[in-house]
Amino acid sequence: WFGAIYDLFIPFLLINKKTRIPAFAAVIVFHVM
């Protein structure tokens, strides 16, 4: 479920300046995992 939610919403969160930093942290955690 996290994988599906992550892929669907991460591009929107990266575009938004307010959510970009935590979104990129999620990118790192997700892909390293």
Full PDB file with SEQRES, HELIX, SHEET, SSBOND, CRYST1, ORIGX, SCALE, CONECT and MASTER records, all heavy atoms in Angstrom:
SEQRES   1 A   33  TRP PHE GLY ALA ILE TYR ASP LEU PHE ILE PRO PHE LEU          
SEQRES   2 A   33  LEU ILE ASN LYS LYS THR ARG ILE PRO ALA PHE ALA ALA          
SEQRES   3 A   33  VAL ILE VAL PHE HIS VAL MET                                  
HELIX    1 AA1 PHE A    2  ILE A   15  1                                  14    
HELIX    2 AA2 ARG A   20  VAL A   32  1                                  13    
CRYST1    1.000    1.000    1.000  90.00  90.00  90.00 P 1           1          
ORIGX1      1.000000  0.000000  0.000000        0.00000                         
ORIGX2      0.000000  1.000000  0.000000        0.00000                         
ORIGX3      0.000000  0.000000  1.000000        0.00000                         
SCALE1      1.000000  0.000000  0.000000        0.00000                         
SCALE2      0.000000  1.000000  0.000000        0.00000                         
SCALE3      0.000000  0.000000  1.000000        0.00000                         
ATOM      1  N   TRP A   1       0.819  -1.209   0.000  1.00  0.00           N  
ATOM      2  CA  TRP A   1       0.000   0.000   0.000  1.00  0.00           C  
ATOM      3  C   TRP A   1       0.854   1.261   0.000  1.00  0.00           C  
ATOM      4  O   TRP A   1       0.536   2.229  -0.699  1.00  0.00           O  
ATOM      5  CB  TRP A   1      -0.948  -0.024   1.208  1.00  0.00           C  
ATOM      6  CG  TRP A   1      -2.163  -0.872   0.927  1.00  0.00           C  
ATOM      7  CD1 TRP A   1      -2.255  -2.224   0.995  1.00  0.00           C  
ATOM      8  CD2 TRP A   1      -3.435  -0.391   0.495  1.00  0.00           C  
ATOM      9  NE1 TRP A   1      -3.512  -2.639   0.636  1.00  0.00           N  
ATOM     10  CE2 TRP A   1      -4.264  -1.536   0.335  1.00  0.00           C  
ATOM     11  CE3 TRP A   1      -3.977   0.866   0.247  1.00  0.00           C  
ATOM     12  CZ2 TRP A   1      -5.592  -1.441  -0.080  1.00  0.00           C  
ATOM     13  CZ3 TRP A   1      -5.303   0.966  -0.158  1.00  0.00           C  
ATOM     14  CH2 TRP A   1      -6.096  -0.168  -0.317  1.00  0.00           C  
ATOM     15  N   PHE A   2       1.941   1.252   0.762  1.00  0.00           N  
ATOM     16  CA  PHE A   2       2.818   2.420   0.753  1.00  0.00           C  
ATOM     17  C   PHE A   2       3.424   2.622  -0.625  1.00  0.00           C  
ATOM     18  O   PHE A   2       3.529   3.753  -1.111  1.00  0.00           O  
ATOM     19  CB  PHE A   2       3.934   2.268   1.784  1.00  0.00           C  
ATOM     20  CG  PHE A   2       4.919   3.411   1.756  1.00  0.00           C  
ATOM     21  CD1 PHE A   2       4.596   4.633   2.327  1.00  0.00           C  
ATOM     22  CD2 PHE A   2       6.156   3.278   1.136  1.00  0.00           C  
ATOM     23  CE1 PHE A   2       5.495   5.701   2.279  1.00  0.00           C  
ATOM     24  CE2 PHE A   2       7.054   4.328   1.084  1.00  0.00           C  
ATOM     25  CZ  PHE A   2       6.719   5.539   1.664  1.00  0.00           C  
ATOM     26  N   GLY A   3       3.807   1.532  -1.299  1.00  0.00           N  
ATOM     27  CA  GLY A   3       4.387   1.645  -2.635  1.00  0.00           C  
ATOM     28  C   GLY A   3       3.435   2.274  -3.621  1.00  0.00           C  
ATOM     29  O   GLY A   3       3.816   3.129  -4.433  1.00  0.00           O  
ATOM     30  N   ALA A   4       2.166   1.871  -3.568  1.00  0.00           N  
ATOM     31  CA  ALA A   4       1.164   2.435  -4.471  1.00  0.00           C  
ATOM     32  C   ALA A   4       0.927   3.914  -4.176  1.00  0.00           C  
ATOM     33  O   ALA A   4       0.889   4.752  -5.095  1.00  0.00           O  
ATOM     34  CB  ALA A   4      -0.142   1.654  -4.356  1.00  0.00           C  
ATOM     35  N   ILE A   5       0.765   4.251  -2.891  1.00  0.00           N  
ATOM     36  CA  ILE A   5       0.523   5.649  -2.503  1.00  0.00           C  
ATOM     37  C   ILE A   5       1.732   6.514  -2.846  1.00  0.00           C  
ATOM     38  O   ILE A   5       1.591   7.644  -3.352  1.00  0.00           O  
ATOM     39  CB  ILE A   5       0.201   5.729  -0.998  1.00  0.00           C  
ATOM     40  CG1 ILE A   5      -1.140   5.036  -0.718  1.00  0.00           C  
ATOM     41  CG2 ILE A   5       0.167   7.170  -0.524  1.00  0.00           C  
ATOM     42  CD1 ILE A   5      -1.430   4.852   0.759  1.00  0.00           C  
ATOM     43  N   TYR A   6       2.915   5.996  -2.578  1.00  0.00           N  
ATOM     44  CA  TYR A   6       4.145   6.735  -2.875  1.00  0.00           C  
ATOM     45  C   TYR A   6       4.223   7.086  -4.354  1.00  0.00           C  
ATOM     46  O   TYR A   6       4.438   8.257  -4.723  1.00  0.00           O  
ATOM     47  CB  TYR A   6       5.347   5.896  -2.456  1.00  0.00           C  
ATOM     48  CG  TYR A   6       6.669   6.425  -2.968  1.00  0.00           C  
ATOM     49  CD1 TYR A   6       7.376   7.378  -2.249  1.00  0.00           C  
ATOM     50  CD2 TYR A   6       7.208   5.971  -4.176  1.00  0.00           C  
ATOM     51  CE1 TYR A   6       8.587   7.873  -2.711  1.00  0.00           C  
ATOM     52  CE2 TYR A   6       8.422   6.460  -4.643  1.00  0.00           C  
ATOM     53  CZ  TYR A   6       9.099   7.402  -3.908  1.00  0.00           C  
ATOM     54  OH  TYR A   6      10.289   7.888  -4.391  1.00  0.00           O  
ATOM     55  N   ASP A   7       4.076   6.090  -5.224  1.00  0.00           N  
ATOM     56  CA  ASP A   7       4.209   6.338  -6.666  1.00  0.00           C  
ATOM     57  C   ASP A   7       3.149   7.297  -7.182  1.00  0.00           C  
ATOM     58  O   ASP A   7       3.427   8.137  -8.048  1.00  0.00           O  
ATOM     59  CB  ASP A   7       4.113   5.012  -7.433  1.00  0.00           C  
ATOM     60  CG  ASP A   7       5.402   4.201  -7.362  1.00  0.00           C  
ATOM     61  OD1 ASP A   7       6.466   4.794  -7.139  1.00  0.00           O  
ATOM     62  OD2 ASP A   7       5.340   2.973  -7.529  1.00  0.00           O  
ATOM     63  N   LEU A   8       1.936   7.196  -6.670  1.00  0.00           N  
ATOM     64  CA  LEU A   8       0.848   8.050  -7.155  1.00  0.00           C  
ATOM     65  C   LEU A   8       1.027   9.507  -6.758  1.00  0.00           C  
ATOM     66  O   LEU A   8       0.718  10.416  -7.533  1.00  0.00           O  
ATOM     67  CB  LEU A   8      -0.495   7.538  -6.626  1.00  0.00           C  
ATOM     68  CG  LEU A   8      -1.062   6.283  -7.288  1.00  0.00           C  
ATOM     69  CD1 LEU A   8      -2.270   5.783  -6.514  1.00  0.00           C  
ATOM     70  CD2 LEU A   8      -1.448   6.553  -8.742  1.00  0.00           C  
ATOM     71  N   PHE A   9       1.537   9.749  -5.562  1.00  0.00           N  
ATOM     72  CA  PHE A   9       1.538  11.116  -5.029  1.00  0.00           C  
ATOM     73  C   PHE A   9       2.904  11.795  -4.996  1.00  0.00           C  
ATOM     74  O   PHE A   9       2.971  13.016  -4.889  1.00  0.00           O  
ATOM     75  CB  PHE A   9       0.938  11.116  -3.615  1.00  0.00           C  
ATOM     76  CG  PHE A   9      -0.538  10.823  -3.598  1.00  0.00           C  
ATOM     77  CD1 PHE A   9      -0.987   9.556  -3.281  1.00  0.00           C  
ATOM     78  CD2 PHE A   9      -1.462  11.803  -3.934  1.00  0.00           C  
ATOM     79  CE1 PHE A   9      -2.344   9.270  -3.276  1.00  0.00           C  
ATOM     80  CE2 PHE A   9      -2.814  11.526  -3.938  1.00  0.00           C  
ATOM     81  CZ  PHE A   9      -3.267  10.254  -3.609  1.00  0.00           C  
ATOM     82  N   ILE A  10       3.996  11.031  -5.106  1.00  0.00           N  
ATOM     83  CA  ILE A  10       5.309  11.656  -4.962  1.00  0.00           C  
ATOM     84  C   ILE A  10       5.592  12.735  -6.009  1.00  0.00           C  
ATOM     85  O   ILE A  10       6.196  13.771  -5.677  1.00  0.00           O  
ATOM     86  CB  ILE A  10       6.435  10.586  -4.951  1.00  0.00           C  
ATOM     87  CG1 ILE A  10       7.709  11.164  -4.307  1.00  0.00           C  
ATOM     88  CG2 ILE A  10       6.720  10.051  -6.346  1.00  0.00           C  
ATOM     89  CD1 ILE A  10       7.554  11.484  -2.848  1.00  0.00           C  
ATOM     90  N   PRO A  11       5.170  12.589  -7.283  1.00  0.00           N  
ATOM     91  CA  PRO A  11       5.452  13.684  -8.222  1.00  0.00           C  
ATOM     92  C   PRO A  11       4.737  14.972  -7.856  1.00  0.00           C  
ATOM     93  O   PRO A  11       5.293  16.068  -8.028  1.00  0.00           O  
ATOM     94  CB  PRO A  11       4.978  13.125  -9.574  1.00  0.00           C  
ATOM     95  CG  PRO A  11       4.040  12.020  -9.237  1.00  0.00           C  
ATOM     96  CD  PRO A  11       4.529  11.453  -7.958  1.00  0.00           C  
ATOM     97  N   PHE A  12       3.505  14.869  -7.324  1.00  0.00           N  
ATOM     98  CA  PHE A  12       2.777  16.067  -6.911  1.00  0.00           C  
ATOM     99  C   PHE A  12       3.468  16.729  -5.714  1.00  0.00           C  
ATOM    100  O   PHE A  12       3.553  17.958  -5.635  1.00  0.00           O  
ATOM    101  CB  PHE A  12       1.335  15.703  -6.536  1.00  0.00           C  
ATOM    102  CG  PHE A  12       0.529  15.162  -7.679  1.00  0.00           C  
ATOM    103  CD1 PHE A  12       0.326  13.801  -7.813  1.00  0.00           C  
ATOM    104  CD2 PHE A  12      -0.026  16.017  -8.622  1.00  0.00           C  
ATOM    105  CE1 PHE A  12      -0.417  13.292  -8.865  1.00  0.00           C  
ATOM    106  CE2 PHE A  12      -0.777  15.525  -9.683  1.00  0.00           C  
ATOM    107  CZ  PHE A  12      -0.973  14.155  -9.812  1.00  0.00           C  
ATOM    108  N   LEU A  13       3.961  15.918  -4.792  1.00  0.00           N  
ATOM    109  CA  LEU A  13       4.629  16.450  -3.604  1.00  0.00           C  
ATOM    110  C   LEU A  13       5.976  17.079  -3.952  1.00  0.00           C  
ATOM    111  O   LEU A  13       6.403  18.038  -3.298  1.00  0.00           O  
ATOM    112  CB  LEU A  13       4.824  15.330  -2.582  1.00  0.00           C  
ATOM    113  CG  LEU A  13       3.531  14.703  -2.035  1.00  0.00           C  
ATOM    114  CD1 LEU A  13       3.854  13.530  -1.120  1.00  0.00           C  
ATOM    115  CD2 LEU A  13       2.695  15.738  -1.304  1.00  0.00           C  
ATOM    116  N   LEU A  14       6.636  16.560  -4.976  1.00  0.00           N  
ATOM    117  CA  LEU A  14       7.912  17.140  -5.406  1.00  0.00           C  
ATOM    118  C   LEU A  14       7.716  18.473  -6.112  1.00  0.00           C  
ATOM    119  O   LEU A  14       8.558  19.376  -6.026  1.00  0.00           O  
ATOM    120  CB  LEU A  14       8.647  16.165  -6.326  1.00  0.00           C  
ATOM    121  CG  LEU A  14       9.284  14.946  -5.646  1.00  0.00           C  
ATOM    122  CD1 LEU A  14       9.715  13.921  -6.693  1.00  0.00           C  
ATOM    123  CD2 LEU A  14      10.474  15.358  -4.788  1.00  0.00           C  
ATOM    124  N   ILE A  15       6.608  18.611  -6.810  1.00  0.00           N  
ATOM    125  CA  ILE A  15       6.324  19.860  -7.518  1.00  0.00           C  
ATOM    126  C   ILE A  15       6.033  20.988  -6.532  1.00  0.00           C  
ATOM    127  O   ILE A  15       6.419  22.133  -6.739  1.00  0.00           O  
ATOM    128  CB  ILE A  15       5.136  19.661  -8.483  1.00  0.00           C  
ATOM    129  CG1 ILE A  15       5.552  18.762  -9.652  1.00  0.00           C  
ATOM    130  CG2 ILE A  15       4.633  21.000  -9.009  1.00  0.00           C  
ATOM    131  CD1 ILE A  15       4.404  18.364 -10.545  1.00  0.00           C  
ATOM    132  N   ASN A  16       5.349  20.653  -5.430  1.00  0.00           N  
ATOM    133  CA  ASN A  16       4.941  21.644  -4.441  1.00  0.00           C  
ATOM    134  C   ASN A  16       6.134  22.047  -3.567  1.00  0.00           C  
ATOM    135  O   ASN A  16       6.769  21.211  -2.927  1.00  0.00           O  
ATOM    136  CB  ASN A  16       3.818  21.066  -3.569  1.00  0.00           C  
ATOM    137  CG  ASN A  16       3.171  22.127  -2.696  1.00  0.00           C  
ATOM    138  OD1 ASN A  16       3.838  22.957  -2.081  1.00  0.00           O  
ATOM    139  ND2 ASN A  16       1.849  22.104  -2.638  1.00  0.00           N  
ATOM    140  N   LYS A  17       6.432  23.321  -3.535  1.00  0.00           N  
ATOM    141  CA  LYS A  17       7.580  23.820  -2.782  1.00  0.00           C  
ATOM    142  C   LYS A  17       7.476  23.497  -1.300  1.00  0.00           C  
ATOM    143  O   LYS A  17       8.474  23.173  -0.645  1.00  0.00           O  
ATOM    144  CB  LYS A  17       7.701  25.335  -2.982  1.00  0.00           C  
ATOM    145  CG  LYS A  17       8.900  25.954  -2.288  1.00  0.00           C  
ATOM    146  CD  LYS A  17       8.969  27.461  -2.553  1.00  0.00           C  
ATOM    147  CE  LYS A  17      10.174  28.077  -1.844  1.00  0.00           C  
ATOM    148  NZ  LYS A  17      10.260  29.542  -2.104  1.00  0.00           N  
ATOM    149  N   LYS A  18       6.249  23.529  -0.745  1.00  0.00           N  
ATOM    150  CA  LYS A  18       6.062  23.315   0.687  1.00  0.00           C  
ATOM    151  C   LYS A  18       6.320  21.863   1.103  1.00  0.00           C  
ATOM    152  O   LYS A  18       6.688  21.603   2.244  1.00  0.00           O  
ATOM    153  CB  LYS A  18       4.645  23.725   1.093  1.00  0.00           C  
ATOM    154  CG  LYS A  18       4.369  25.210   0.939  1.00  0.00           C  
ATOM    155  CD  LYS A  18       2.947  25.551   1.358  1.00  0.00           C  
ATOM    156  CE  LYS A  18       2.662  27.043   1.209  1.00  0.00           C  
ATOM    157  NZ  LYS A  18       1.272  27.385   1.610  1.00  0.00           N  
ATOM    158  N   THR A  19       6.096  20.941   0.189  1.00  0.00           N  
ATOM    159  CA  THR A  19       6.243  19.519   0.533  1.00  0.00           C  
ATOM    160  C   THR A  19       7.482  18.892  -0.099  1.00  0.00           C  
ATOM    161  O   THR A  19       7.705  17.695   0.046  1.00  0.00           O  
ATOM    162  CB  THR A  19       4.997  18.736   0.082  1.00  0.00           C  
ATOM    163  OG1 THR A  19       4.798  18.926  -1.333  1.00  0.00           O  
ATOM    164  CG2 THR A  19       3.762  19.196   0.831  1.00  0.00           C  
ATOM    165  N   ARG A  20       8.281  19.682  -0.794  1.00  0.00           N  
ATOM    166  CA  ARG A  20       9.393  19.134  -1.584  1.00  0.00           C  
ATOM    167  C   ARG A  20      10.453  18.453  -0.703  1.00  0.00           C  
ATOM    168  O   ARG A  20      10.924  17.362  -1.034  1.00  0.00           O  
ATOM    169  CB  ARG A  20      10.029  20.247  -2.411  1.00  0.00           C  
ATOM    170  CG  ARG A  20      11.117  19.750  -3.366  1.00  0.00           C  
ATOM    171  CD  ARG A  20      11.542  20.883  -4.269  1.00  0.00           C  
ATOM    172  NE  ARG A  20      10.437  21.334  -5.101  1.00  0.00           N  
ATOM    173  CZ  ARG A  20      10.186  22.610  -5.389  1.00  0.00           C  
ATOM    174  NH1 ARG A  20      10.947  23.568  -4.877  1.00  0.00           N  
ATOM    175  NH2 ARG A  20       9.168  22.927  -6.164  1.00  0.00           N  
ATOM    176  N   ILE A  21      10.842  19.080   0.385  1.00  0.00           N  
ATOM    177  CA  ILE A  21      11.904  18.514   1.228  1.00  0.00           C  
ATOM    178  C   ILE A  21      11.483  17.173   1.831  1.00  0.00           C  
ATOM    179  O   ILE A  21      12.214  16.175   1.694  1.00  0.00           O  
ATOM    180  CB  ILE A  21      12.329  19.503   2.338  1.00  0.00           C  
ATOM    181  CG1 ILE A  21      12.905  20.782   1.715  1.00  0.00           C  
ATOM    182  CG2 ILE A  21      13.350  18.848   3.259  1.00  0.00           C  
ATOM    183  CD1 ILE A  21      14.141  20.559   0.883  1.00  0.00           C  
ATOM    184  N   PRO A  22      10.328  17.090   2.509  1.00  0.00           N  
ATOM    185  CA  PRO A  22       9.926  15.775   3.026  1.00  0.00           C  
ATOM    186  C   PRO A  22       9.674  14.763   1.911  1.00  0.00           C  
ATOM    187  O   PRO A  22       9.921  13.568   2.095  1.00  0.00           O  
ATOM    188  CB  PRO A  22       8.645  16.064   3.814  1.00  0.00           C  
ATOM    189  CG  PRO A  22       8.178  17.400   3.350  1.00  0.00           C  
ATOM    190  CD  PRO A  22       9.390  18.141   2.953  1.00  0.00           C  
ATOM    191  N   ALA A  23       9.219  15.227   0.749  1.00  0.00           N  
ATOM    192  CA  ALA A  23       8.998  14.318  -0.380  1.00  0.00           C  
ATOM    193  C   ALA A  23      10.317  13.736  -0.869  1.00  0.00           C  
ATOM    194  O   ALA A  23      10.405  12.537  -1.163  1.00  0.00           O  
ATOM    195  CB  ALA A  23       8.285  15.054  -1.515  1.00  0.00           C  
ATOM    196  N   PHE A  24      11.340  14.584  -0.950  1.00  0.00           N  
ATOM    197  CA  PHE A  24      12.638  14.074  -1.400  1.00  0.00           C  
ATOM    198  C   PHE A  24      13.240  13.127  -0.365  1.00  0.00           C  
ATOM    199  O   PHE A  24      13.905  12.147  -0.728  1.00  0.00           O  
ATOM    200  CB  PHE A  24      13.605  15.226  -1.671  1.00  0.00           C  
ATOM    201  CG  PHE A  24      14.904  14.777  -2.268  1.00  0.00           C  
ATOM    202  CD1 PHE A  24      14.965  14.272  -3.551  1.00  0.00           C  
ATOM    203  CD2 PHE A  24      16.082  14.864  -1.532  1.00  0.00           C  
ATOM    204  CE1 PHE A  24      16.166  13.840  -4.103  1.00  0.00           C  
ATOM    205  CE2 PHE A  24      17.283  14.444  -2.073  1.00  0.00           C  
ATOM    206  CZ  PHE A  24      17.324  13.925  -3.365  1.00  0.00           C  
ATOM    207  N   ALA A  25      13.000  13.404   0.915  1.00  0.00           N  
ATOM    208  CA  ALA A  25      13.442  12.474   1.957  1.00  0.00           C  
ATOM    209  C   ALA A  25      12.765  11.123   1.763  1.00  0.00           C  
ATOM    210  O   ALA A  25      13.393  10.067   1.917  1.00  0.00           O  
ATOM    211  CB  ALA A  25      13.118  13.044   3.338  1.00  0.00           C  
ATOM    212  N   ALA A  26      11.479  11.154   1.403  1.00  0.00           N  
ATOM    213  CA  ALA A  26      10.749   9.909   1.124  1.00  0.00           C  
ATOM    214  C   ALA A  26      11.326   9.201  -0.095  1.00  0.00           C  
ATOM    215  O   ALA A  26      11.404   7.969  -0.133  1.00  0.00           O  
ATOM    216  CB  ALA A  26       9.267  10.212   0.916  1.00  0.00           C  
ATOM    217  N   VAL A  27      11.730   9.976  -1.099  1.00  0.00           N  
ATOM    218  CA  VAL A  27      12.362   9.404  -2.286  1.00  0.00           C  
ATOM    219  C   VAL A  27      13.621   8.631  -1.894  1.00  0.00           C  
ATOM    220  O   VAL A  27      13.836   7.496  -2.334  1.00  0.00           O  
ATOM    221  CB  VAL A  27      12.715  10.514  -3.311  1.00  0.00           C  
ATOM    222  CG1 VAL A  27      13.627   9.959  -4.408  1.00  0.00           C  
ATOM    223  CG2 VAL A  27      11.441  11.079  -3.938  1.00  0.00           C  
ATOM    224  N   ILE A  28      14.443   9.245  -1.062  1.00  0.00           N  
ATOM    225  CA  ILE A  28      15.692   8.596  -0.640  1.00  0.00           C  
ATOM    226  C   ILE A  28      15.399   7.326   0.144  1.00  0.00           C  
ATOM    227  O   ILE A  28      15.962   6.255  -0.137  1.00  0.00           O  
ATOM    228  CB  ILE A  28      16.542   9.568   0.193  1.00  0.00           C  
ATOM    229  CG1 ILE A  28      17.001  10.750  -0.663  1.00  0.00           C  
ATOM    230  CG2 ILE A  28      17.748   8.838   0.795  1.00  0.00           C  
ATOM    231  CD1 ILE A  28      17.722  11.828   0.113  1.00  0.00           C  
ATOM    232  N   VAL A  29      14.519   7.424   1.134  1.00  0.00           N  
ATOM    233  CA  VAL A  29      14.195   6.263   1.971  1.00  0.00           C  
ATOM    234  C   VAL A  29      13.603   5.140   1.130  1.00  0.00           C  
ATOM    235  O   VAL A  29      14.008   3.972   1.250  1.00  0.00           O  
ATOM    236  CB  VAL A  29      13.222   6.663   3.100  1.00  0.00           C  
ATOM    237  CG1 VAL A  29      12.728   5.415   3.845  1.00  0.00           C  
ATOM    238  CG2 VAL A  29      13.896   7.618   4.072  1.00  0.00           C  
ATOM    239  N   PHE A  30      12.659   5.482   0.266  1.00  0.00           N  
ATOM    240  CA  PHE A  30      11.976   4.481  -0.552  1.00  0.00           C  
ATOM    241  C   PHE A  30      12.952   3.754  -1.463  1.00  0.00           C  
ATOM    242  O   PHE A  30      12.978   2.513  -1.520  1.00  0.00           O  
ATOM    243  CB  PHE A  30      10.882   5.148  -1.385  1.00  0.00           C  
ATOM    244  CG  PHE A  30      10.138   4.203  -2.289  1.00  0.00           C  
ATOM    245  CD1 PHE A  30       9.076   3.454  -1.819  1.00  0.00           C  
ATOM    246  CD2 PHE A  30      10.505   4.063  -3.621  1.00  0.00           C  
ATOM    247  CE1 PHE A  30       8.386   2.578  -2.649  1.00  0.00           C  
ATOM    248  CE2 PHE A  30       9.837   3.197  -4.466  1.00  0.00           C  
ATOM    249  CZ  PHE A  30       8.773   2.453  -3.975  1.00  0.00           C  
ATOM    250  N   HIS A  31      13.777   4.505  -2.180  1.00  0.00           N  
ATOM    251  CA  HIS A  31      14.660   3.881  -3.162  1.00  0.00           C  
ATOM    252  C   HIS A  31      15.843   3.167  -2.519  1.00  0.00           C  
ATOM    253  O   HIS A  31      16.290   2.127  -3.033  1.00  0.00           O  
ATOM    254  CB  HIS A  31      15.133   4.920  -4.169  1.00  0.00           C  
ATOM    255  CG  HIS A  31      14.067   5.311  -5.148  1.00  0.00           C  
ATOM    256  ND1 HIS A  31      13.523   4.419  -6.043  1.00  0.00           N  
ATOM    257  CD2 HIS A  31      13.447   6.498  -5.363  1.00  0.00           C  
ATOM    258  CE1 HIS A  31      12.613   5.034  -6.773  1.00  0.00           C  
ATOM    259  NE2 HIS A  31      12.541   6.294  -6.382  1.00  0.00           N  
ATOM    260  N   VAL A  32      16.351   3.683  -1.412  1.00  0.00           N  
ATOM    261  CA  VAL A  32      17.423   2.969  -0.708  1.00  0.00           C  
ATOM    262  C   VAL A  32      16.892   1.656  -0.144  1.00  0.00           C  
ATOM    263  O   VAL A  32      17.567   0.619  -0.190  1.00  0.00           O  
ATOM    264  CB  VAL A  32      18.023   3.843   0.405  1.00  0.00           C  
ATOM    265  CG1 VAL A  32      18.946   3.017   1.308  1.00  0.00           C  
ATOM    266  CG2 VAL A  32      18.794   5.010  -0.190  1.00  0.00           C  
ATOM    267  N   MET A  33      15.660   1.682   0.366  1.00  0.00           N  
ATOM    268  CA  MET A  33      15.062   0.465   0.902  1.00  0.00           C  
ATOM    269  C   MET A  33      14.851  -0.574  -0.202  1.00  0.00           C  
ATOM    270  O   MET A  33      15.159  -1.760  -0.013  1.00  0.00           O  
ATOM    271  CB  MET A  33      13.716   0.796   1.559  1.00  0.00           C  
ATOM    272  CG  MET A  33      13.018  -0.414   2.185  1.00  0.00           C  
ATOM    273  SD  MET A  33      13.921  -1.095   3.598  1.00  0.00           S  
ATOM    274  CE  MET A  33      13.618   0.174   4.831  1.00  0.00           C  
TER     275      MET A  33                                                      
MASTER        0    0    0    2    0    0    0    6  274    1    0    3          
END                                                                             
